[in-house]
């Protein structure tokens, strides 16, 4: 079973987390089911970038990014070449280290 390491994030995961997961699960589902409440404004529709994450290790094990996801990521805050949308990214058979960016762009959130 692969392991996902979520690096510490001041709001969503202050001390970080190490989670054993099943291949085939989406990163967002794994985070949410383990109390890491990453924003996901579009409810898995690949229509926003609120669930943007950066794959620090294991990026090559992931399936190729779709054109739609790639286009959406162009709008993400802090975009890097290892960026993915956690609602679209399915865990393969290798361990991952994931960073949740400090900021996100959410046009639907009330401030």
C-alpha atoms as a PDB file:
ATOM      1  CA  UNK A   1       0.000   0.000   0.000  1.00  0.00           C
ATOM      2  CA  UNK A   2       1.331   3.428  -0.884  1.00  0.00           C
ATOM      3  CA  UNK A   3       1.812   6.114   1.726  1.00  0.00           C
ATOM      4  CA  UNK A   4       0.970   9.789   1.350  1.00  0.00           C
ATOM      5  CA  UNK A   5       2.839  12.353   3.396  1.00  0.00           C
ATOM      6  CA  UNK A   6       1.017  15.670   3.692  1.00  0.00           C
ATOM      7  CA  UNK A   7       3.542  18.330   4.609  1.00  0.00           C
ATOM      8  CA  UNK A   8       2.526  20.728   7.396  1.00  0.00           C
ATOM      9  CA  UNK A   9       0.143  23.540   6.410  1.00  0.00           C
ATOM     10  CA  UNK A  10      -0.787  26.229   8.963  1.00  0.00           C
ATOM     11  CA  UNK A  11      -4.549  25.934   8.360  1.00  0.00           C
ATOM     12  CA  UNK A  12      -5.350  22.466   7.004  1.00  0.00           C
ATOM     13  CA  UNK A  13      -2.713  20.216   8.549  1.00  0.00           C
ATOM     14  CA  UNK A  14      -0.537  22.050  11.105  1.00  0.00           C
ATOM     15  CA  UNK A  15       1.662  19.076  12.029  1.00  0.00           C
ATOM     16  CA  UNK A  16       1.510  17.209   8.723  1.00  0.00           C
ATOM     17  CA  UNK A  17       0.208  13.674   8.257  1.00  0.00           C
ATOM     18  CA  UNK A  18       1.355  10.263   7.076  1.00  0.00           C
ATOM     19  CA  UNK A  19      -1.460   8.130   5.674  1.00  0.00           C
ATOM     20  CA  UNK A  20      -1.490   4.622   4.189  1.00  0.00           C
ATOM     21  CA  UNK A  21      -3.814   4.636   1.182  1.00  0.00           C
ATOM     22  CA  UNK A  22      -5.267   2.424  -1.518  1.00  0.00           C
ATOM     23  CA  UNK A  23      -4.124   2.832  -5.105  1.00  0.00           C
ATOM     24  CA  UNK A  24      -6.965   4.279  -7.166  1.00  0.00           C
ATOM     25  CA  UNK A  25      -8.168   6.799  -4.570  1.00  0.00           C
ATOM     26  CA  UNK A  26      -8.205  10.525  -5.323  1.00  0.00           C
ATOM     27  CA  UNK A  27      -5.904  12.708  -3.254  1.00  0.00           C
ATOM     28  CA  UNK A  28      -8.789  14.985  -2.247  1.00  0.00           C
ATOM     29  CA  UNK A  29     -10.861  12.042  -0.966  1.00  0.00           C
ATOM     30  CA  UNK A  30      -7.906  10.812   1.068  1.00  0.00           C
ATOM     31  CA  UNK A  31      -7.313  14.254   2.566  1.00  0.00           C
ATOM     32  CA  UNK A  32     -10.965  14.849   3.452  1.00  0.00           C
ATOM     33  CA  UNK A  33     -11.456  11.404   4.977  1.00  0.00           C
ATOM     34  CA  UNK A  34      -8.443  12.053   7.221  1.00  0.00           C
ATOM     35  CA  UNK A  35      -9.527  15.450   8.522  1.00  0.00           C
ATOM     36  CA  UNK A  36      -7.474  17.524   6.091  1.00  0.00           C
ATOM     37  CA  UNK A  37     -10.229  19.817   4.846  1.00  0.00           C
ATOM     38  CA  UNK A  38      -8.736  21.130   1.624  1.00  0.00           C
ATOM     39  CA  UNK A  39     -11.028  23.584  -0.120  1.00  0.00           C
ATOM     40  CA  UNK A  40     -12.869  22.159  -3.129  1.00  0.00           C
ATOM     41  CA  UNK A  41     -15.335  24.764  -4.333  1.00  0.00           C
ATOM     42  CA  UNK A  42     -16.358  23.076  -7.603  1.00  0.00           C
ATOM     43  CA  UNK A  43     -17.132  19.694  -6.012  1.00  0.00           C
ATOM     44  CA  UNK A  44     -14.785  17.615  -8.249  1.00  0.00           C
ATOM     45  CA  UNK A  45     -15.895  19.262 -11.516  1.00  0.00           C
ATOM     46  CA  UNK A  46     -12.382  20.476 -12.446  1.00  0.00           C
ATOM     47  CA  UNK A  47     -13.793  23.993 -12.665  1.00  0.00           C
ATOM     48  CA  UNK A  48     -11.617  25.789 -10.090  1.00  0.00           C
ATOM     49  CA  UNK A  49      -8.193  25.570  -8.466  1.00  0.00           C
ATOM     50  CA  UNK A  50      -9.085  25.566  -4.771  1.00  0.00           C
ATOM     51  CA  UNK A  51      -7.814  21.986  -4.291  1.00  0.00           C
ATOM     52  CA  UNK A  52      -4.447  22.703  -5.944  1.00  0.00           C
ATOM     53  CA  UNK A  53      -1.572  20.736  -4.444  1.00  0.00           C
ATOM     54  CA  UNK A  54       2.086  20.260  -5.263  1.00  0.00           C
ATOM     55  CA  UNK A  55       3.475  16.729  -5.533  1.00  0.00           C
ATOM     56  CA  UNK A  56       6.953  17.017  -3.994  1.00  0.00           C
ATOM     57  CA  UNK A  57       7.778  13.311  -4.413  1.00  0.00           C
ATOM     58  CA  UNK A  58       6.209  10.616  -6.580  1.00  0.00           C
ATOM     59  CA  UNK A  59       4.943  12.904  -9.356  1.00  0.00           C
ATOM     60  CA  UNK A  60       6.132  10.554 -12.115  1.00  0.00           C
ATOM     61  CA  UNK A  61       3.942   7.730 -10.785  1.00  0.00           C
ATOM     62  CA  UNK A  62       0.732   9.680 -11.478  1.00  0.00           C
ATOM     63  CA  UNK A  63      -1.353   9.378 -14.639  1.00  0.00           C
ATOM     64  CA  UNK A  64      -0.850  12.013 -17.300  1.00  0.00           C
ATOM     65  CA  UNK A  65      -2.672  15.246 -16.595  1.00  0.00           C
ATOM     66  CA  UNK A  66      -5.799  15.928 -18.659  1.00  0.00           C
ATOM     67  CA  UNK A  67      -5.991  18.959 -20.899  1.00  0.00           C
ATOM     68  CA  UNK A  68      -8.853  20.367 -18.803  1.00  0.00           C
ATOM     69  CA  UNK A  69      -6.907  20.013 -15.550  1.00  0.00           C
ATOM     70  CA  UNK A  70      -3.820  21.535 -17.158  1.00  0.00           C
ATOM     71  CA  UNK A  71      -5.863  24.520 -18.366  1.00  0.00           C
ATOM     72  CA  UNK A  72      -7.384  25.041 -14.901  1.00  0.00           C
ATOM     73  CA  UNK A  73      -3.992  24.864 -13.213  1.00  0.00           C
ATOM     74  CA  UNK A  74      -2.857  27.874 -15.233  1.00  0.00           C
ATOM     75  CA  UNK A  75      -5.117  29.886 -12.895  1.00  0.00           C
ATOM     76  CA  UNK A  76      -3.727  28.450  -9.647  1.00  0.00           C
ATOM     77  CA  UNK A  77      -1.841  30.517  -7.091  1.00  0.00           C
ATOM     78  CA  UNK A  78       1.774  29.343  -6.749  1.00  0.00           C
ATOM     79  CA  UNK A  79       1.747  27.059  -9.792  1.00  0.00           C
ATOM     80  CA  UNK A  80       4.743  24.730 -10.140  1.00  0.00           C
ATOM     81  CA  UNK A  81       5.605  22.040 -12.671  1.00  0.00           C
ATOM     82  CA  UNK A  82       4.560  19.371 -10.127  1.00  0.00           C
ATOM     83  CA  UNK A  83       1.173  21.007  -9.464  1.00  0.00           C
ATOM     84  CA  UNK A  84      -2.034  18.987  -9.708  1.00  0.00           C
ATOM     85  CA  UNK A  85      -5.654  19.372  -8.682  1.00  0.00           C
ATOM     86  CA  UNK A  86      -6.240  16.951  -5.819  1.00  0.00           C
ATOM     87  CA  UNK A  87      -9.823  16.301  -6.986  1.00  0.00           C
ATOM     88  CA  UNK A  88      -8.506  14.954 -10.298  1.00  0.00           C
ATOM     89  CA  UNK A  89      -5.350  13.139  -9.179  1.00  0.00           C
ATOM     90  CA  UNK A  90      -5.540   9.404  -8.521  1.00  0.00           C
ATOM     91  CA  UNK A  91      -2.908   7.686  -6.393  1.00  0.00           C
ATOM     92  CA  UNK A  92      -0.959   5.010  -8.262  1.00  0.00           C
ATOM     93  CA  UNK A  93       1.327   2.488  -6.580  1.00  0.00           C
ATOM     94  CA  UNK A  94       4.097   4.762  -5.298  1.00  0.00           C
ATOM     95  CA  UNK A  95       4.426   6.898  -2.191  1.00  0.00           C
ATOM     96  CA  UNK A  96       3.677  10.616  -2.503  1.00  0.00           C
ATOM     97  CA  UNK A  97       4.759  13.709  -0.619  1.00  0.00           C
ATOM     98  CA  UNK A  98       2.208  16.489  -0.988  1.00  0.00           C
ATOM     99  CA  UNK A  99       2.365  20.173  -0.197  1.00  0.00           C
ATOM    100  CA  UNK A 100      -0.829  22.188   0.097  1.00  0.00           C
ATOM    101  CA  UNK A 101      -0.078  25.743  -1.081  1.00  0.00           C
ATOM    102  CA  UNK A 102      -0.373  28.458   1.529  1.00  0.00           C
ATOM    103  CA  UNK A 103      -2.981  30.372  -0.498  1.00  0.00           C
ATOM    104  CA  UNK A 104      -5.769  29.534  -2.895  1.00  0.00           C
ATOM    105  CA  UNK A 105      -8.054  31.450  -5.218  1.00  0.00           C
ATOM    106  CA  UNK A 106     -11.666  30.918  -4.199  1.00  0.00           C
ATOM    107  CA  UNK A 107     -14.222  33.245  -5.761  1.00  0.00           C
ATOM    108  CA  UNK A 108     -17.146  31.534  -4.001  1.00  0.00           C
ATOM    109  CA  UNK A 109     -16.021  31.851  -0.395  1.00  0.00           C
ATOM    110  CA  UNK A 110     -17.588  34.510   1.818  1.00  0.00           C
ATOM    111  CA  UNK A 111     -15.018  36.579   3.633  1.00  0.00           C
END
